[in-house]
């Protein structure tokens, strides 16, 4: 079974672009429009990776990661952060919060799929193969 990725972003076009790219690459994808919505999703299921925007109204992506890391059942879910900010301090904050990678917006489809594959592989070497078979 291919990995399930939960894409969390308040920007619908970005969320949909990520969904389409990841599904085309062979991943299963669920989406959430806020940190709060993502937490509700987690009650129902456990994704294999979180793709989280940093800047969202209400709960920020970093706060979402912190809340996920507090829950034993979810603390080991790999996280890839994406943001329009390429500032070193923001990247460091994401890594400190528990992100396994950082993707700068706007991003190309190939960059997204490569980062997702890398974060999944780093979280469990040998377990995750490229869902497209490559």
C-alpha atoms as a PDB file:
ATOM      1  CA  UNK A   1       0.000   0.000   0.000  1.00  0.00           C
ATOM      2  CA  UNK A   2       1.324   3.434  -0.846  1.00  0.00           C
ATOM      3  CA  UNK A   3       2.011   5.964   1.918  1.00  0.00           C
ATOM      4  CA  UNK A   4      -0.795   8.264   3.061  1.00  0.00           C
ATOM      5  CA  UNK A   5       0.148  11.936   3.193  1.00  0.00           C
ATOM      6  CA  UNK A   6      -1.897  14.563   5.031  1.00  0.00           C
ATOM      7  CA  UNK A   7      -1.447  17.953   3.336  1.00  0.00           C
ATOM      8  CA  UNK A   8      -2.252  20.851   5.679  1.00  0.00           C
ATOM      9  CA  UNK A   9      -2.505  24.331   4.145  1.00  0.00           C
ATOM     10  CA  UNK A  10      -5.093  27.104   4.361  1.00  0.00           C
ATOM     11  CA  UNK A  11      -4.414  28.079   0.713  1.00  0.00           C
ATOM     12  CA  UNK A  12      -6.738  25.895  -1.382  1.00  0.00           C
ATOM     13  CA  UNK A  13      -4.798  26.205  -4.688  1.00  0.00           C
ATOM     14  CA  UNK A  14      -1.548  25.142  -2.983  1.00  0.00           C
ATOM     15  CA  UNK A  15      -3.303  22.317  -1.160  1.00  0.00           C
ATOM     16  CA  UNK A  16      -4.908  21.071  -4.371  1.00  0.00           C
ATOM     17  CA  UNK A  17      -1.663  21.364  -6.362  1.00  0.00           C
ATOM     18  CA  UNK A  18       0.161  19.300  -3.732  1.00  0.00           C
ATOM     19  CA  UNK A  19      -2.657  16.739  -3.727  1.00  0.00           C
ATOM     20  CA  UNK A  20      -2.635  16.367  -7.507  1.00  0.00           C
ATOM     21  CA  UNK A  21       1.169  16.096  -7.698  1.00  0.00           C
ATOM     22  CA  UNK A  22       1.370  13.532  -4.911  1.00  0.00           C
ATOM     23  CA  UNK A  23      -1.508  11.437  -6.241  1.00  0.00           C
ATOM     24  CA  UNK A  24       0.103  11.440  -9.703  1.00  0.00           C
ATOM     25  CA  UNK A  25       3.283  10.156  -8.026  1.00  0.00           C
ATOM     26  CA  UNK A  26       1.338   7.251  -6.532  1.00  0.00           C
ATOM     27  CA  UNK A  27       0.735   8.476  -2.988  1.00  0.00           C
ATOM     28  CA  UNK A  28      -2.583   8.454  -1.141  1.00  0.00           C
ATOM     29  CA  UNK A  29      -3.492  11.985  -0.067  1.00  0.00           C
ATOM     30  CA  UNK A  30      -5.836  13.543   2.469  1.00  0.00           C
ATOM     31  CA  UNK A  31      -6.108  17.292   2.969  1.00  0.00           C
ATOM     32  CA  UNK A  32      -6.834  19.675   5.819  1.00  0.00           C
ATOM     33  CA  UNK A  33      -7.331  23.444   5.633  1.00  0.00           C
ATOM     34  CA  UNK A  34      -6.158  24.258   9.168  1.00  0.00           C
ATOM     35  CA  UNK A  35      -4.208  22.918  12.093  1.00  0.00           C
ATOM     36  CA  UNK A  36      -7.451  22.306  13.936  1.00  0.00           C
ATOM     37  CA  UNK A  37      -8.866  20.347  10.998  1.00  0.00           C
ATOM     38  CA  UNK A  38      -5.639  18.299  10.808  1.00  0.00           C
ATOM     39  CA  UNK A  39      -5.950  17.357  14.494  1.00  0.00           C
ATOM     40  CA  UNK A  40      -9.538  16.203  13.882  1.00  0.00           C
ATOM     41  CA  UNK A  41      -8.306  14.098  10.967  1.00  0.00           C
ATOM     42  CA  UNK A  42      -5.662  12.492  13.193  1.00  0.00           C
ATOM     43  CA  UNK A  43      -8.391  11.259  15.544  1.00  0.00           C
ATOM     44  CA  UNK A  44      -9.788   9.221  12.626  1.00  0.00           C
ATOM     45  CA  UNK A  45      -6.574   7.988  11.042  1.00  0.00           C
ATOM     46  CA  UNK A  46      -2.788   7.999  11.088  1.00  0.00           C
ATOM     47  CA  UNK A  47      -1.040   9.352   7.988  1.00  0.00           C
ATOM     48  CA  UNK A  48       2.462   8.213   7.082  1.00  0.00           C
ATOM     49  CA  UNK A  49       3.643  11.803   6.590  1.00  0.00           C
ATOM     50  CA  UNK A  50       2.422  15.317   7.387  1.00  0.00           C
ATOM     51  CA  UNK A  51       3.049  18.055   4.809  1.00  0.00           C
ATOM     52  CA  UNK A  52       2.422  21.235   6.784  1.00  0.00           C
ATOM     53  CA  UNK A  53       2.366  24.927   5.871  1.00  0.00           C
ATOM     54  CA  UNK A  54       3.972  27.122   8.519  1.00  0.00           C
ATOM     55  CA  UNK A  55       1.764  30.203   8.194  1.00  0.00           C
ATOM     56  CA  UNK A  56      -1.897  29.473   8.771  1.00  0.00           C
ATOM     57  CA  UNK A  57      -4.526  31.490  10.631  1.00  0.00           C
ATOM     58  CA  UNK A  58      -5.367  30.170  14.064  1.00  0.00           C
ATOM     59  CA  UNK A  59      -2.941  27.364  14.785  1.00  0.00           C
ATOM     60  CA  UNK A  60       0.379  27.745  12.972  1.00  0.00           C
ATOM     61  CA  UNK A  61       2.062  24.792  11.341  1.00  0.00           C
ATOM     62  CA  UNK A  62       4.757  24.825  14.018  1.00  0.00           C
ATOM     63  CA  UNK A  63       2.121  24.696  16.751  1.00  0.00           C
ATOM     64  CA  UNK A  64       0.433  21.803  14.940  1.00  0.00           C
ATOM     65  CA  UNK A  65       3.738  19.904  14.835  1.00  0.00           C
ATOM     66  CA  UNK A  66       4.281  20.562  18.544  1.00  0.00           C
ATOM     67  CA  UNK A  67       0.807  19.232  19.383  1.00  0.00           C
ATOM     68  CA  UNK A  68       1.314  16.153  17.218  1.00  0.00           C
ATOM     69  CA  UNK A  69       4.672  15.455  18.892  1.00  0.00           C
ATOM     70  CA  UNK A  70       2.981  15.490  22.324  1.00  0.00           C
ATOM     71  CA  UNK A  71       0.720  12.578  21.398  1.00  0.00           C
ATOM     72  CA  UNK A  72       2.414   9.209  21.791  1.00  0.00           C
ATOM     73  CA  UNK A  73       0.490   7.653  18.902  1.00  0.00           C
ATOM     74  CA  UNK A  74       1.626  10.350  16.478  1.00  0.00           C
ATOM     75  CA  UNK A  75       4.989  11.554  17.769  1.00  0.00           C
ATOM     76  CA  UNK A  76       6.955   9.576  15.190  1.00  0.00           C
ATOM     77  CA  UNK A  77       5.003  10.703  12.104  1.00  0.00           C
ATOM     78  CA  UNK A  78       7.505  12.321   9.743  1.00  0.00           C
ATOM     79  CA  UNK A  79       6.843  15.959   8.881  1.00  0.00           C
ATOM     80  CA  UNK A  80       7.769  18.017   5.846  1.00  0.00           C
ATOM     81  CA  UNK A  81       7.211  21.749   6.266  1.00  0.00           C
ATOM     82  CA  UNK A  82       6.542  24.075   3.387  1.00  0.00           C
ATOM     83  CA  UNK A  83       6.602  27.851   3.548  1.00  0.00           C
ATOM     84  CA  UNK A  84       7.104  31.000   1.500  1.00  0.00           C
ATOM     85  CA  UNK A  85       9.832  32.054   3.943  1.00  0.00           C
ATOM     86  CA  UNK A  86      13.353  31.003   3.127  1.00  0.00           C
ATOM     87  CA  UNK A  87      14.848  32.744   6.151  1.00  0.00           C
ATOM     88  CA  UNK A  88      17.336  30.623   8.050  1.00  0.00           C
ATOM     89  CA  UNK A  89      15.646  31.377  11.360  1.00  0.00           C
ATOM     90  CA  UNK A  90      12.319  30.028  10.021  1.00  0.00           C
ATOM     91  CA  UNK A  91      13.940  26.890   8.635  1.00  0.00           C
ATOM     92  CA  UNK A  92      15.708  26.295  11.958  1.00  0.00           C
ATOM     93  CA  UNK A  93      12.445  26.790  13.859  1.00  0.00           C
ATOM     94  CA  UNK A  94      10.744  24.174  11.699  1.00  0.00           C
ATOM     95  CA  UNK A  95      13.558  21.672  12.187  1.00  0.00           C
ATOM     96  CA  UNK A  96      13.571  22.319  15.956  1.00  0.00           C
ATOM     97  CA  UNK A  97       9.804  21.755  16.009  1.00  0.00           C
ATOM     98  CA  UNK A  98      10.322  18.298  14.533  1.00  0.00           C
ATOM     99  CA  UNK A  99      10.216  18.698  10.768  1.00  0.00           C
ATOM    100  CA  UNK A 100      12.349  16.298   8.794  1.00  0.00           C
ATOM    101  CA  UNK A 101      12.572  18.652   5.850  1.00  0.00           C
ATOM    102  CA  UNK A 102      11.712  22.107   4.565  1.00  0.00           C
ATOM    103  CA  UNK A 103      10.311  23.017   1.160  1.00  0.00           C
ATOM    104  CA  UNK A 104      10.239  26.590  -0.095  1.00  0.00           C
ATOM    105  CA  UNK A 105       7.085  27.846  -1.856  1.00  0.00           C
ATOM    106  CA  UNK A 106       6.553  28.023  -4.751  1.00  0.00           C
ATOM    107  CA  UNK A 107       7.831  24.537  -5.499  1.00  0.00           C
ATOM    108  CA  UNK A 108       7.992  22.341  -8.594  1.00  0.00           C
ATOM    109  CA  UNK A 109       6.234  18.982  -8.708  1.00  0.00           C
ATOM    110  CA  UNK A 110       9.553  17.143  -8.933  1.00  0.00           C
ATOM    111  CA  UNK A 111      10.898  18.978  -5.882  1.00  0.00           C
ATOM    112  CA  UNK A 112       7.815  18.096  -3.830  1.00  0.00           C
ATOM    113  CA  UNK A 113       7.898  14.413  -4.707  1.00  0.00           C
ATOM    114  CA  UNK A 114      11.657  14.191  -4.123  1.00  0.00           C
ATOM    115  CA  UNK A 115      11.410  15.821  -0.674  1.00  0.00           C
ATOM    116  CA  UNK A 116       8.461  13.634   0.333  1.00  0.00           C
ATOM    117  CA  UNK A 117      10.325  10.492  -0.728  1.00  0.00           C
ATOM    118  CA  UNK A 118      13.457  11.622   1.140  1.00  0.00           C
ATOM    119  CA  UNK A 119      11.610  12.401   4.383  1.00  0.00           C
ATOM    120  CA  UNK A 120       9.738   9.085   4.249  1.00  0.00           C
ATOM    121  CA  UNK A 121      12.951   7.165   3.558  1.00  0.00           C
ATOM    122  CA  UNK A 122      14.777   8.921   6.394  1.00  0.00           C
ATOM    123  CA  UNK A 123      11.953   8.086   8.809  1.00  0.00           C
ATOM    124  CA  UNK A 124      12.072   4.358   8.077  1.00  0.00           C
ATOM    125  CA  UNK A 125      14.957   3.343   5.789  1.00  0.00           C
ATOM    126  CA  UNK A 126      14.135   0.391   3.586  1.00  0.00           C
ATOM    127  CA  UNK A 127      10.420   0.478   4.337  1.00  0.00           C
ATOM    128  CA  UNK A 128       9.181   3.125   1.921  1.00  0.00           C
ATOM    129  CA  UNK A 129       9.855   2.704  -1.747  1.00  0.00           C
ATOM    130  CA  UNK A 130       8.914   5.198  -4.439  1.00  0.00           C
ATOM    131  CA  UNK A 131       5.188   4.432  -4.953  1.00  0.00           C
ATOM    132  CA  UNK A 132       5.623   4.962  -8.700  1.00  0.00           C
ATOM    133  CA  UNK A 133       8.248   2.221  -8.741  1.00  0.00           C
ATOM    134  CA  UNK A 134      11.198   4.488  -9.557  1.00  0.00           C
END
